[in-house]
Amino acid sequence: MASWFARSTDASHETGRLGPLEWRVLEALWSRTTLASVRDLQPDFPEIAYTTLMTTLDRLYRKGVLRREKSGRAFLYQPRLSRAGFESARATAAVRTALEGDGESVGLLLSFLVQAVS
């Protein structure tokens, strides 16, 4: 599992969750086959200021969700995980968090899962 996602389950980290704009940016990057700069992504976000988009990409990078590399004066961004890999990591972290709870919580979770399957 990616280390950035492990951090996201810790409630003490404000970087743990993705906001609506962060999700939109991540979706826009997943739809591309190449690395993208802020300028490349700007047409997908006409209602968002260039600097807001730049800040959002930087936040996703600092959260460990994106890779970036320098190209001239700009950074090029790419998701660290594919959409499927990202969803798998989220599901794994959610189950791990649930299983790390007390015995009663785990029992309730397993009871719910058994009921849902049957």
C-alpha atoms as a PDB file:
ATOM      1  CA  MET A   1       0.000   0.000   0.000  1.00  0.00           C
ATOM      2  CA  ALA A   2       1.236   3.483  -0.755  1.00  0.00           C
ATOM      3  CA  SER A   3       2.647   5.322   2.240  1.00  0.00           C
ATOM      4  CA  TRP A   4       0.634   8.488   1.485  1.00  0.00           C
ATOM      5  CA  PHE A   5      -2.582   6.562   1.939  1.00  0.00           C
ATOM      6  CA  ALA A   6      -1.509   5.129   5.257  1.00  0.00           C
ATOM      7  CA  ARG A   7      -1.130   8.724   6.467  1.00  0.00           C
ATOM      8  CA  SER A   8      -4.602   9.577   5.244  1.00  0.00           C
ATOM      9  CA  THR A   9      -6.280   7.297   7.777  1.00  0.00           C
ATOM     10  CA  ASP A  10      -4.721   9.239  10.644  1.00  0.00           C
ATOM     11  CA  ALA A  11      -7.253  11.802  11.860  1.00  0.00           C
ATOM     12  CA  SER A  12      -4.450  14.009  13.174  1.00  0.00           C
ATOM     13  CA  HIS A  13      -3.279  14.734   9.630  1.00  0.00           C
ATOM     14  CA  GLU A  14      -5.287  17.424   7.906  1.00  0.00           C
ATOM     15  CA  THR A  15      -3.871  16.163   4.617  1.00  0.00           C
ATOM     16  CA  GLY A  16      -5.696  12.858   4.974  1.00  0.00           C
ATOM     17  CA  ARG A  17      -8.748  13.580   2.885  1.00  0.00           C
ATOM     18  CA  LEU A  18      -9.160  14.871  -0.623  1.00  0.00           C
ATOM     19  CA  GLY A  19     -11.449  17.794  -1.282  1.00  0.00           C
ATOM     20  CA  PRO A  20     -13.794  18.119  -4.275  1.00  0.00           C
ATOM     21  CA  LEU A  21     -11.315  20.130  -6.355  1.00  0.00           C
ATOM     22  CA  GLU A  22      -8.518  17.686  -5.542  1.00  0.00           C
ATOM     23  CA  TRP A  23     -10.711  14.821  -6.770  1.00  0.00           C
ATOM     24  CA  ARG A  24     -11.495  16.724  -9.984  1.00  0.00           C
ATOM     25  CA  VAL A  25      -7.802  17.392 -10.595  1.00  0.00           C
ATOM     26  CA  LEU A  26      -6.952  13.756  -9.957  1.00  0.00           C
ATOM     27  CA  GLU A  27      -9.682  12.654 -12.386  1.00  0.00           C
ATOM     28  CA  ALA A  28      -8.334  15.068 -15.018  1.00  0.00           C
ATOM     29  CA  LEU A  29      -4.836  13.627 -14.601  1.00  0.00           C
ATOM     30  CA  TRP A  30      -6.110  10.033 -14.830  1.00  0.00           C
ATOM     31  CA  SER A  31      -7.810  10.892 -18.126  1.00  0.00           C
ATOM     32  CA  ARG A  32      -4.447  11.853 -19.656  1.00  0.00           C
ATOM     33  CA  THR A  33      -1.758   9.546 -20.969  1.00  0.00           C
ATOM     34  CA  THR A  34       1.114  11.968 -20.344  1.00  0.00           C
ATOM     35  CA  LEU A  35       2.412  14.169 -17.556  1.00  0.00           C
ATOM     36  CA  ALA A  36       0.606  17.503 -17.300  1.00  0.00           C
ATOM     37  CA  SER A  37       1.533  21.004 -16.215  1.00  0.00           C
ATOM     38  CA  VAL A  38      -0.793  23.542 -14.642  1.00  0.00           C
ATOM     39  CA  ARG A  39      -1.065  25.194 -18.052  1.00  0.00           C
ATOM     40  CA  ASP A  40      -2.021  21.844 -19.650  1.00  0.00           C
ATOM     41  CA  LEU A  41      -4.817  21.346 -17.117  1.00  0.00           C
ATOM     42  CA  GLN A  42      -6.121  24.929 -17.115  1.00  0.00           C
ATOM     43  CA  PRO A  43      -8.582  24.403 -20.035  1.00  0.00           C
ATOM     44  CA  ASP A  44     -10.295  21.653 -17.987  1.00  0.00           C
ATOM     45  CA  PHE A  45     -10.858  24.164 -15.158  1.00  0.00           C
ATOM     46  CA  PRO A  46     -11.937  27.466 -16.742  1.00  0.00           C
ATOM     47  CA  GLU A  47     -13.709  28.566 -13.549  1.00  0.00           C
ATOM     48  CA  ILE A  48     -10.582  28.038 -11.412  1.00  0.00           C
ATOM     49  CA  ALA A  49      -7.760  30.568 -11.187  1.00  0.00           C
ATOM     50  CA  TYR A  50      -4.381  29.385 -12.454  1.00  0.00           C
ATOM     51  CA  THR A  51      -2.836  29.896  -9.009  1.00  0.00           C
ATOM     52  CA  THR A  52      -5.618  27.881  -7.331  1.00  0.00           C
ATOM     53  CA  LEU A  53      -4.989  24.997  -9.709  1.00  0.00           C
ATOM     54  CA  MET A  54      -1.245  25.284  -9.086  1.00  0.00           C
ATOM     55  CA  THR A  55      -1.803  25.205  -5.305  1.00  0.00           C
ATOM     56  CA  THR A  56      -4.115  22.196  -5.616  1.00  0.00           C
ATOM     57  CA  LEU A  57      -1.532  20.256  -7.625  1.00  0.00           C
ATOM     58  CA  ASP A  58       1.146  21.152  -5.082  1.00  0.00           C
ATOM     59  CA  ARG A  59      -1.082  19.973  -2.215  1.00  0.00           C
ATOM     60  CA  LEU A  60      -1.727  16.662  -3.967  1.00  0.00           C
ATOM     61  CA  TYR A  61       2.019  16.316  -4.478  1.00  0.00           C
ATOM     62  CA  ARG A  62       2.726  17.045  -0.791  1.00  0.00           C
ATOM     63  CA  LYS A  63       0.079  14.492   0.196  1.00  0.00           C
ATOM     64  CA  GLY A  64       1.970  11.940  -1.890  1.00  0.00           C
ATOM     65  CA  VAL A  65      -0.861  11.435  -4.385  1.00  0.00           C
ATOM     66  CA  LEU A  66       1.101  12.858  -7.341  1.00  0.00           C
ATOM     67  CA  ARG A  67       4.600  12.602  -8.742  1.00  0.00           C
ATOM     68  CA  ARG A  68       6.154  15.666 -10.267  1.00  0.00           C
ATOM     69  CA  GLU A  69       9.210  16.498 -12.274  1.00  0.00           C
ATOM     70  CA  LYS A  70      10.719  19.801 -13.256  1.00  0.00           C
ATOM     71  CA  SER A  71      10.501  20.835 -16.894  1.00  0.00           C
ATOM     72  CA  GLY A  72      12.032  24.257 -17.434  1.00  0.00           C
ATOM     73  CA  ARG A  73      10.294  26.585 -14.999  1.00  0.00           C
ATOM     74  CA  ALA A  74       7.201  24.387 -14.644  1.00  0.00           C
ATOM     75  CA  PHE A  75       6.403  21.143 -12.901  1.00  0.00           C
ATOM     76  CA  LEU A  76       4.787  18.235 -14.701  1.00  0.00           C
ATOM     77  CA  TYR A  77       2.415  16.085 -12.653  1.00  0.00           C
ATOM     78  CA  GLN A  78       1.218  12.495 -12.816  1.00  0.00           C
ATOM     79  CA  PRO A  79      -0.772  10.346 -10.352  1.00  0.00           C
ATOM     80  CA  ARG A  80       1.366   7.895  -8.360  1.00  0.00           C
ATOM     81  CA  LEU A  81      -1.303   5.215  -8.723  1.00  0.00           C
ATOM     82  CA  SER A  82      -3.765   4.300 -11.435  1.00  0.00           C
ATOM     83  CA  ARG A  83      -7.438   4.857 -10.632  1.00  0.00           C
ATOM     84  CA  ALA A  84      -7.802   1.125  -9.862  1.00  0.00           C
ATOM     85  CA  GLY A  85      -4.690   1.146  -7.677  1.00  0.00           C
ATOM     86  CA  PHE A  86      -5.918   4.208  -5.836  1.00  0.00           C
ATOM     87  CA  GLU A  87      -9.340   2.661  -5.143  1.00  0.00           C
ATOM     88  CA  SER A  88      -7.687  -0.572  -4.022  1.00  0.00           C
ATOM     89  CA  ALA A  89      -5.440   1.324  -1.608  1.00  0.00           C
ATOM     90  CA  ARG A  90      -8.461   3.205  -0.210  1.00  0.00           C
ATOM     91  CA  ALA A  91     -10.405  -0.016   0.301  1.00  0.00           C
ATOM     92  CA  THR A  92      -7.420  -1.719   1.923  1.00  0.00           C
ATOM     93  CA  ALA A  93      -6.898   1.188   4.302  1.00  0.00           C
ATOM     94  CA  ALA A  94     -10.598   1.295   5.218  1.00  0.00           C
ATOM     95  CA  VAL A  95     -10.667  -2.429   6.033  1.00  0.00           C
ATOM     96  CA  ARG A  96      -7.372  -2.192   7.929  1.00  0.00           C
ATOM     97  CA  THR A  97      -8.711   0.716   9.995  1.00  0.00           C
ATOM     98  CA  ALA A  98     -11.908  -1.195  10.751  1.00  0.00           C
ATOM     99  CA  LEU A  99     -10.001  -4.319  11.777  1.00  0.00           C
ATOM    100  CA  GLU A 100      -7.680  -2.359  14.069  1.00  0.00           C
ATOM    101  CA  GLY A 101     -10.677  -1.322  16.200  1.00  0.00           C
ATOM    102  CA  ASP A 102     -11.769  -3.024  19.374  1.00  0.00           C
ATOM    103  CA  GLY A 103     -13.207  -6.546  19.301  1.00  0.00           C
ATOM    104  CA  GLU A 104     -16.796  -5.310  19.384  1.00  0.00           C
ATOM    105  CA  SER A 105     -16.264  -3.096  16.330  1.00  0.00           C
ATOM    106  CA  VAL A 106     -14.657  -5.941  14.401  1.00  0.00           C
ATOM    107  CA  GLY A 107     -17.530  -8.244  15.349  1.00  0.00           C
ATOM    108  CA  LEU A 108     -20.070  -5.709  14.124  1.00  0.00           C
ATOM    109  CA  LEU A 109     -18.159  -5.235  10.872  1.00  0.00           C
ATOM    110  CA  LEU A 110     -17.935  -8.968  10.214  1.00  0.00           C
ATOM    111  CA  SER A 111     -21.613  -9.400  11.101  1.00  0.00           C
ATOM    112  CA  PHE A 112     -22.515  -6.661   8.612  1.00  0.00           C
ATOM    113  CA  LEU A 113     -20.357  -8.219   5.893  1.00  0.00           C
ATOM    114  CA  VAL A 114     -21.880 -11.677   6.409  1.00  0.00           C
ATOM    115  CA  GLN A 115     -25.381 -10.190   6.299  1.00  0.00           C
ATOM    116  CA  ALA A 116     -24.582  -8.212   3.174  1.00  0.00           C
ATOM    117  CA  VAL A 117     -23.229 -11.261   1.351  1.00  0.00           C
ATOM    118  CA  SER A 118     -26.126 -13.541   2.273  1.00  0.00           C
END
